C-alpha atoms as a PDB file:
ATOM      1  CA  LEU A   1     -25.370  -9.011  -0.424  1.00  0.00           C
ATOM      2  CA  PHE A   2     -26.908  -7.431  -3.543  1.00  0.00           C
ATOM      3  CA  ASN A   3     -28.563  -4.724  -1.307  1.00  0.00           C
ATOM      4  CA  LEU A   4     -25.009  -3.604   0.142  1.00  0.00           C
ATOM      5  CA  ALA A   5     -23.223  -3.796  -3.167  1.00  0.00           C
ATOM      6  CA  ASN A   6     -26.038  -1.522  -4.451  1.00  0.00           C
ATOM      7  CA  SER A   7     -25.918   0.687  -1.386  1.00  0.00           C
ATOM      8  CA  ASP A   8     -24.945   4.448  -1.951  1.00  0.00           C
ATOM      9  CA  PHE A   9     -21.480   3.756  -0.675  1.00  0.00           C
ATOM     10  CA  PHE A  10     -20.787   0.720  -2.940  1.00  0.00           C
ATOM     11  CA  ILE A  11     -22.544   2.338  -6.005  1.00  0.00           C
ATOM     12  CA  GLY A  12     -19.859   5.209  -5.639  1.00  0.00           C
ATOM     13  CA  LEU A  13     -16.955   3.017  -5.847  1.00  0.00           C
ATOM     14  CA  HIS A  14     -14.885   2.519  -9.065  1.00  0.00           C
ATOM     15  CA  ASN A  15     -15.530   6.057 -10.288  1.00  0.00           C
ATOM     16  CA  GLY A  16     -19.221   5.550  -9.901  1.00  0.00           C
ATOM     17  CA  SER A  17     -19.189   2.268 -11.707  1.00  0.00           C
ATOM     18  CA  GLY A  18     -20.459  -0.067  -8.545  1.00  0.00           C
ATOM     19  CA  LEU A  19     -18.810  -2.404  -6.907  1.00  0.00           C
ATOM     20  CA  TRP A  20     -18.008  -5.184  -9.293  1.00  0.00           C
ATOM     21  CA  ASN A  21     -17.159  -3.292 -12.376  1.00  0.00           C
ATOM     22  CA  PHE A  22     -13.262  -2.811 -11.405  1.00  0.00           C
ATOM     23  CA  SER A  23     -12.178  -3.816 -14.894  1.00  0.00           C
ATOM     24  CA  ARG A  24     -13.383   0.095 -15.901  1.00  0.00           C
ATOM     25  CA  ASP A  25     -11.182   1.356 -13.677  1.00  0.00           C
ATOM     26  CA  SER A  26      -8.649   0.142 -15.749  1.00  0.00           C
ATOM     27  CA  GLN A  27     -10.008   1.542 -18.874  1.00  0.00           C
ATOM     28  CA  THR A  28     -10.462   5.032 -16.940  1.00  0.00           C
ATOM     29  CA  TYR A  29      -6.671   4.910 -15.984  1.00  0.00           C
ATOM     30  CA  GLN A  30      -5.496   3.935 -19.206  1.00  0.00           C
ATOM     31  CA  ALA A  31      -7.030   6.933 -20.481  1.00  0.00           C
ATOM     32  CA  GLU A  32      -5.566   9.139 -17.670  1.00  0.00           C
ATOM     33  CA  ALA A  33      -2.092   7.706 -18.323  1.00  0.00           C
ATOM     34  CA  ILE A  34      -2.418   8.687 -21.888  1.00  0.00           C
ATOM     35  CA  LYS A  35      -3.091  12.163 -21.272  1.00  0.00           C
ATOM     36  CA  SER A  36      -0.298  12.220 -18.249  1.00  0.00           C
ATOM     37  CA  LEU A  37       1.864  10.703 -21.124  1.00  0.00           C
ATOM     38  CA  SER A  38       1.389  13.509 -23.487  1.00  0.00           C
ATOM     39  CA  LEU A  39       2.387  15.794 -20.883  1.00  0.00           C
ATOM     40  CA  LEU A  40       5.596  14.189 -20.401  1.00  0.00           C
ATOM     41  CA  ASN A  41       6.301  13.976 -24.073  1.00  0.00           C
ATOM     42  CA  ASN A  42       5.512  18.099 -24.018  1.00  0.00           C
ATOM     43  CA  SER A  43       8.034  18.347 -20.839  1.00  0.00           C
ATOM     44  CA  PHE A  44       5.349  19.673 -19.043  1.00  0.00           C
ATOM     45  CA  TRP A  45       6.298  18.330 -15.636  1.00  0.00           C
ATOM     46  CA  ILE A  46       4.832  20.328 -13.014  1.00  0.00           C
ATOM     47  CA  GLU A  47       1.445  19.997 -15.211  1.00  0.00           C
ATOM     48  CA  TRP A  48       2.141  16.151 -14.952  1.00  0.00           C
ATOM     49  CA  TRP A  49       3.061  16.302 -11.302  1.00  0.00           C
ATOM     50  CA  ASN A  50      -0.168  17.775 -10.268  1.00  0.00           C
ATOM     51  CA  SER A  51      -2.476  15.808 -12.751  1.00  0.00           C
ATOM     52  CA  PHE A  52      -5.109  13.237 -11.577  1.00  0.00           C
ATOM     53  CA  PRO A  53      -4.470  13.813  -7.643  1.00  0.00           C
ATOM     54  CA  ASN A  54      -7.189  11.307  -6.973  1.00  0.00           C
ATOM     55  CA  HIS A  55      -5.443   8.902  -8.915  1.00  0.00           C
ATOM     56  CA  LYS A  56      -1.581   8.806  -7.942  1.00  0.00           C
ATOM     57  CA  HIS A  57      -0.759   5.719  -9.526  1.00  0.00           C
ATOM     58  CA  VAL A  58      -1.675   7.182 -13.053  1.00  0.00           C
ATOM     59  CA  LYS A  59       1.878   8.917 -12.716  1.00  0.00           C
ATOM     60  CA  LEU A  60       3.701   6.003 -12.334  1.00  0.00           C
ATOM     61  CA  ILE A  61       1.739   4.162 -15.003  1.00  0.00           C
ATOM     62  CA  SER A  62       2.441   7.222 -17.615  1.00  0.00           C
ATOM     63  CA  LEU A  63       6.236   7.284 -16.787  1.00  0.00           C
ATOM     64  CA  LEU A  64       6.814   3.825 -17.692  1.00  0.00           C
ATOM     65  CA  TYR A  65       4.982   4.626 -20.745  1.00  0.00           C
ATOM     66  CA  PHE A  66       7.417   7.411 -21.264  1.00  0.00           C
ATOM     67  CA  LEU A  67      10.363   5.218 -20.517  1.00  0.00           C
ATOM     68  CA  THR A  68       9.649   2.287 -22.597  1.00  0.00           C
ATOM     69  CA  ASP A  69       8.051   4.191 -25.269  1.00  0.00           C
ATOM     70  CA  SER A  70       4.554   2.088 -25.057  1.00  0.00           C
ATOM     71  CA  THR A  71       1.574   2.292 -24.284  1.00  0.00           C
ATOM     72  CA  ALA A  72       0.458  -1.283 -23.725  1.00  0.00           C
ATOM     73  CA  PRO A  73      -1.176  -2.098 -20.573  1.00  0.00           C
ATOM     74  CA  LEU A  74       1.018  -5.009 -20.149  1.00  0.00           C
ATOM     75  CA  ILE A  75       3.873  -2.833 -19.435  1.00  0.00           C
ATOM     76  CA  PHE A  76       2.788  -2.145 -15.878  1.00  0.00           C
ATOM     77  CA  GLU A  77       3.366  -5.753 -15.148  1.00  0.00           C
ATOM     78  CA  ILE A  78       7.053  -4.433 -14.454  1.00  0.00           C
ATOM     79  CA  VAL A  79       5.855  -2.713 -11.543  1.00  0.00           C
ATOM     80  CA  ASN A  80       2.811  -5.249 -10.489  1.00  0.00           C
ATOM     81  CA  GLY A  81       4.682  -7.982 -10.470  1.00  0.00           C
ATOM     82  CA  PRO A  82       7.694  -7.168  -8.100  1.00  0.00           C
ATOM     83  CA  ILE A  83       5.113  -5.503  -6.022  1.00  0.00           C
ATOM     84  CA  TRP A  84       3.023  -8.666  -5.486  1.00  0.00           C
ATOM     85  CA  VAL A  85       5.877 -10.816  -4.821  1.00  0.00           C
ATOM     86  CA  VAL A  86       7.445  -8.565  -2.297  1.00  0.00           C
ATOM     87  CA  SER A  87       4.061  -8.242  -0.866  1.00  0.00           C
ATOM     88  CA  VAL A  88       3.896 -12.216  -0.335  1.00  0.00           C
ATOM     89  CA  ILE A  89       7.513 -12.188   1.117  1.00  0.00           C
ATOM     90  CA  LEU A  90       6.132  -9.400   3.720  1.00  0.00           C
ATOM     91  CA  ILE A  91       3.267 -11.175   4.864  1.00  0.00           C
ATOM     92  CA  TYR A  92       5.368 -14.268   5.117  1.00  0.00           C
ATOM     93  CA  LYS A  93       8.143 -12.558   7.253  1.00  0.00           C
ATOM     94  CA  SER A  94       5.110 -11.091   9.554  1.00  0.00           C
ATOM     95  CA  SER A  95       3.681 -14.266  10.139  1.00  0.00           C
ATOM     96  CA  ARG A  96       6.928 -16.362  10.724  1.00  0.00           C
ATOM     97  CA  LEU A  97       7.661 -13.683  13.620  1.00  0.00           C
ATOM     98  CA  ILE A  98       3.665 -14.452  14.844  1.00  0.00           C
ATOM     99  CA  PHE A  99       3.767 -18.067  14.407  1.00  0.00           C
ATOM    100  CA  SER A 100       7.327 -18.796  14.855  1.00  0.00           C
ATOM    101  CA  GLU A 101       6.724 -21.929  15.761  1.00  0.00           C
ATOM    102  CA  SER A 102       4.721 -23.356  12.730  1.00  0.00           C
ATOM    103  CA  ILE A 103       5.900 -23.033   9.178  1.00  0.00           C
ATOM    104  CA  LYS A 104       2.574 -24.086   8.272  1.00  0.00           C
ATOM    105  CA  SER A 105       0.763 -21.480   9.582  1.00  0.00           C
ATOM    106  CA  SER A 106       2.743 -19.246   7.757  1.00  0.00           C
ATOM    107  CA  LEU A 107       2.306 -20.475   4.477  1.00  0.00           C
ATOM    108  CA  LEU A 108      -1.673 -20.612   5.128  1.00  0.00           C
ATOM    109  CA  VAL A 109      -1.828 -16.452   5.825  1.00  0.00           C
ATOM    110  CA  CYS A 110       0.448 -16.132   2.720  1.00  0.00           C
ATOM    111  CA  LEU A 111      -2.603 -17.626   0.566  1.00  0.00           C
ATOM    112  CA  PHE A 112      -4.204 -14.264   1.108  1.00  0.00           C
ATOM    113  CA  LEU A 113      -2.272 -12.716  -1.606  1.00  0.00           C
ATOM    114  CA  PHE A 114      -3.069 -16.125  -4.002  1.00  0.00           C
ATOM    115  CA  GLN A 115      -6.952 -15.198  -3.813  1.00  0.00           C
ATOM    116  CA  PRO A 116      -8.475 -14.679  -7.415  1.00  0.00           C
ATOM    117  CA  SER A 117      -9.291 -11.334  -6.691  1.00  0.00           C
ATOM    118  CA  VAL A 118      -5.992 -10.020  -5.584  1.00  0.00           C
ATOM    119  CA  LEU A 119      -4.315 -11.847  -8.662  1.00  0.00           C
ATOM    120  CA  LEU A 120      -6.814 -10.538 -11.051  1.00  0.00           C
ATOM    121  CA  SER A 121      -5.774  -7.019  -9.470  1.00  0.00           C
ATOM    122  CA  SER A 122      -2.144  -7.794 -10.348  1.00  0.00           C
ATOM    123  CA  THR A 123      -2.681  -7.789 -13.836  1.00  0.00           C
ATOM    124  CA  GLN A 124      -4.737  -4.517 -14.033  1.00  0.00           C
ATOM    125  CA  LEU A 125      -3.819  -0.813 -14.046  1.00  0.00           C
ATOM    126  CA  LEU A 126      -5.149  -0.858 -10.813  1.00  0.00           C
ATOM    127  CA  ARG A 127      -4.181   0.790  -7.305  1.00  0.00           C
ATOM    128  CA  GLU A 128      -4.888  -2.230  -5.506  1.00  0.00           C
ATOM    129  CA  PRO A 129      -1.349  -3.749  -6.001  1.00  0.00           C
ATOM    130  CA  ILE A 130       0.470  -0.736  -4.795  1.00  0.00           C
ATOM    131  CA  TYR A 131      -2.410  -0.532  -1.907  1.00  0.00           C
ATOM    132  CA  ILE A 132      -1.863  -4.265  -0.908  1.00  0.00           C
ATOM    133  CA  LEU A 133       1.972  -3.325  -0.423  1.00  0.00           C
ATOM    134  CA  GLY A 134       1.397  -0.574   1.970  1.00  0.00           C
ATOM    135  CA  PHE A 135      -0.938  -2.660   4.114  1.00  0.00           C
ATOM    136  CA  CYS A 136       1.799  -5.609   4.149  1.00  0.00           C
ATOM    137  CA  LEU A 137       4.867  -3.233   5.093  1.00  0.00           C
ATOM    138  CA  PHE A 138       2.149  -1.575   7.902  1.00  0.00           C
ATOM    139  CA  CYS A 139       1.650  -5.349   9.272  1.00  0.00           C
ATOM    140  CA  TYR A 140       5.188  -6.281   8.805  1.00  0.00           C
ATOM    141  CA  GLY A 141       6.587  -2.844  10.697  1.00  0.00           C
ATOM    142  CA  VAL A 142       4.180  -3.267  13.336  1.00  0.00           C
ATOM    143  CA  VAL A 143       4.893  -7.079  14.219  1.00  0.00           C
ATOM    144  CA  ARG A 144       8.791  -6.204  13.780  1.00  0.00           C
ATOM    145  CA  PHE A 145       8.285  -3.719  16.317  1.00  0.00           C
ATOM    146  CA  TRP A 146       6.705  -5.825  18.853  1.00  0.00           C
ATOM    147  CA  LYS A 147       7.906  -8.857  18.123  1.00  0.00           C
ATOM    148  CA  LEU A 148      11.997  -8.019  16.704  1.00  0.00           C
ATOM    149  CA  SER A 149      13.288  -4.748  17.474  1.00  0.00           C
ATOM    150  CA  SER A 150      11.508  -1.586  18.066  1.00  0.00           C
ATOM    151  CA  ASP A 151      13.973   0.638  16.131  1.00  0.00           C
ATOM    152  CA  LEU A 152      13.717   3.379  13.686  1.00  0.00           C
ATOM    153  CA  LYS A 153      13.720   0.862  10.979  1.00  0.00           C
ATOM    154  CA  SER A 154      10.515  -0.794  12.232  1.00  0.00           C
ATOM    155  CA  VAL A 155       9.054   2.822  12.433  1.00  0.00           C
ATOM    156  CA  PHE A 156      10.502   3.838   9.283  1.00  0.00           C
ATOM    157  CA  ILE A 157       8.496   0.788   7.823  1.00  0.00           C
ATOM    158  CA  VAL A 158       5.295   1.660   9.157  1.00  0.00           C
ATOM    159  CA  SER A 159       5.593   5.076   8.135  1.00  0.00           C
ATOM    160  CA  ALA A 160       6.291   3.849   4.290  1.00  0.00           C
ATOM    161  CA  GLY A 161       3.216   1.460   4.442  1.00  0.00           C
ATOM    162  CA  LEU A 162       1.103   4.367   5.809  1.00  0.00           C
ATOM    163  CA  PHE A 163       1.820   6.429   2.984  1.00  0.00           C
ATOM    164  CA  LEU A 164       1.180   4.026   0.423  1.00  0.00           C
ATOM    165  CA  LEU A 165      -1.940   3.160   1.765  1.00  0.00           C
ATOM    166  CA  ILE A 166      -3.067   7.056   2.271  1.00  0.00           C
ATOM    167  CA  SER A 167      -1.705   7.705  -1.350  1.00  0.00           C
ATOM    168  CA  MET A 168      -3.931   5.170  -2.686  1.00  0.00           C
ATOM    169  CA  ARG A 169      -7.374   5.487  -0.333  1.00  0.00           C
ATOM    170  CA  ASP A 170      -6.834   9.161   0.989  1.00  0.00           C
ATOM    171  CA  TYR A 171     -10.399   8.765   2.001  1.00  0.00           C
ATOM    172  CA  LEU A 172      -9.326   6.451   4.785  1.00  0.00           C
ATOM    173  CA  SER A 173      -6.736   8.865   6.108  1.00  0.00           C
ATOM    174  CA  SER A 174      -8.406   9.400   9.352  1.00  0.00           C
ATOM    175  CA  VAL A 175      -8.958   5.747   9.813  1.00  0.00           C
ATOM    176  CA  TYR A 176      -4.954   5.215   9.864  1.00  0.00           C
ATOM    177  CA  LEU A 177      -3.993   8.514  11.773  1.00  0.00           C
ATOM    178  CA  ILE A 178      -6.104   7.307  14.449  1.00  0.00           C
ATOM    179  CA  THR A 179      -4.554   3.788  14.192  1.00  0.00           C
ATOM    180  CA  ILE A 180      -0.851   5.361  14.377  1.00  0.00           C
ATOM    181  CA  MET A 181      -1.748   7.739  17.052  1.00  0.00           C
ATOM    182  CA  LEU A 182      -2.903   4.847  19.204  1.00  0.00           C
ATOM    183  CA  PHE A 183       0.591   2.855  18.115  1.00  0.00           C
ATOM    184  CA  ALA A 184       2.331   5.680  18.889  1.00  0.00           C
ATOM    185  CA  PHE A 185       1.142   6.192  22.219  1.00  0.00           C
ATOM    186  CA  THR A 186       0.561   2.852  23.300  1.00  0.00           C
ATOM    187  CA  PRO A 187       3.084   1.789  26.612  1.00  0.00           C
ATOM    188  CA  VAL A 188       5.563  -0.458  25.457  1.00  0.00           C
ATOM    189  CA  SER A 189       8.115  -2.553  27.661  1.00  0.00           C
ATOM    190  CA  TYR A 190      11.370  -4.068  26.919  1.00  0.00           C
ATOM    191  CA  THR A 191      14.607  -4.942  28.586  1.00  0.00           C
ATOM    192  CA  HIS A 192      16.319  -2.583  26.289  1.00  0.00           C
ATOM    193  CA  LEU A 193      13.527   0.194  27.035  1.00  0.00           C
ATOM    194  CA  ARG A 194      12.383   2.428  29.988  1.00  0.00           C
ATOM    195  CA  ALA A 195       9.082   1.001  31.554  1.00  0.00           C
ATOM    196  CA  HIS A 196       6.133   2.412  29.731  1.00  0.00           C
ATOM    197  CA  GLU A 197       7.909   4.206  27.045  1.00  0.00           C
ATOM    198  CA  THR A 198       5.750   5.012  23.844  1.00  0.00           C
ATOM    199  CA  LEU A 199       6.531   4.785  20.272  1.00  0.00           C
ATOM    200  CA  MET A 200       6.943   8.512  20.197  1.00  0.00           C
ATOM    201  CA  ASN A 201       9.204   8.787  23.347  1.00  0.00           C
ATOM    202  CA  LEU A 202      11.581   5.819  21.570  1.00  0.00           C
ATOM    203  CA  VAL A 203      11.365   8.002  18.306  1.00  0.00           C
ATOM    204  CA  CYS A 204      12.830  10.750  20.197  1.00  0.00           C
ATOM    205  CA  ARG A 205      15.073   9.242  22.396  1.00  0.00           C
ATOM    206  CA  LEU A 206      16.928   7.134  19.498  1.00  0.00           C
ATOM    207  CA  LEU A 207      17.100  10.308  17.461  1.00  0.00           C
ATOM    208  CA  LEU A 208      18.869  11.971  20.345  1.00  0.00           C
ATOM    209  CA  GLU A 209      21.380   9.235  20.719  1.00  0.00           C
ATOM    210  CA  LYS A 210      22.151   9.453  17.125  1.00  0.00           C
END
C-alpha cells in the first residue's frame, strides 16, 4: 500500500501533494475562492466564469462567499450538507429498486456514505461531495431505467450525473463516455418498447412522439 500510494500517479493527486494530503486541497481551494471572490466584487463576471477551469467547484464556493458576505469555509456547508443528504436518498432509492424485497440490504448499501472518509470530505471545500452526488445520480438513473421506467426522465438523471462527474473529474471523461456509449447501444426489451430497442432509439422515438 505504501508503494502504491507513492506511485507516480497517486503522488500527482491533490495538486501534487500526494494521496493522503487532501486537507491541503481545502487550503488551495480556499485561496482560489478568495481570488474568485475579488473578481465578483469587481463585477468581472466573465473573468470569474473563466477562472480556475480545473476546479469548477471553486466558482460555487466564491459565489456563496459573495452572496453571504463571508469567507468562512464553513459557509460551504450550505451546499455540502444538502448534497450529502440527497446522495444518501439516491443511493437508498437505487438499492430499493434492486433489493425490493429486503429493506435491510438497502440500508446496508447506504452505509457507503457514512464512511469516515466520505463524512470528512463533506465538511471541507472539496470536490468529492459533488462528485459523489454525480455518481449517485448516475447509479439511480441507470437502475431506474432498467427496473422502473425507461423514459426521458431516466435519461436526464443519467446525463445530470455524468455532467457532475465529468465537471469534477474531467480526466475521467473518456471512461464515462465509453460507459454511456455502451449503455446507449445496449439492447433493451420491455412490453412497451420494440424488441431490441436501444437507449438512443428510445430517446429519438420519445422525442418524436412528443
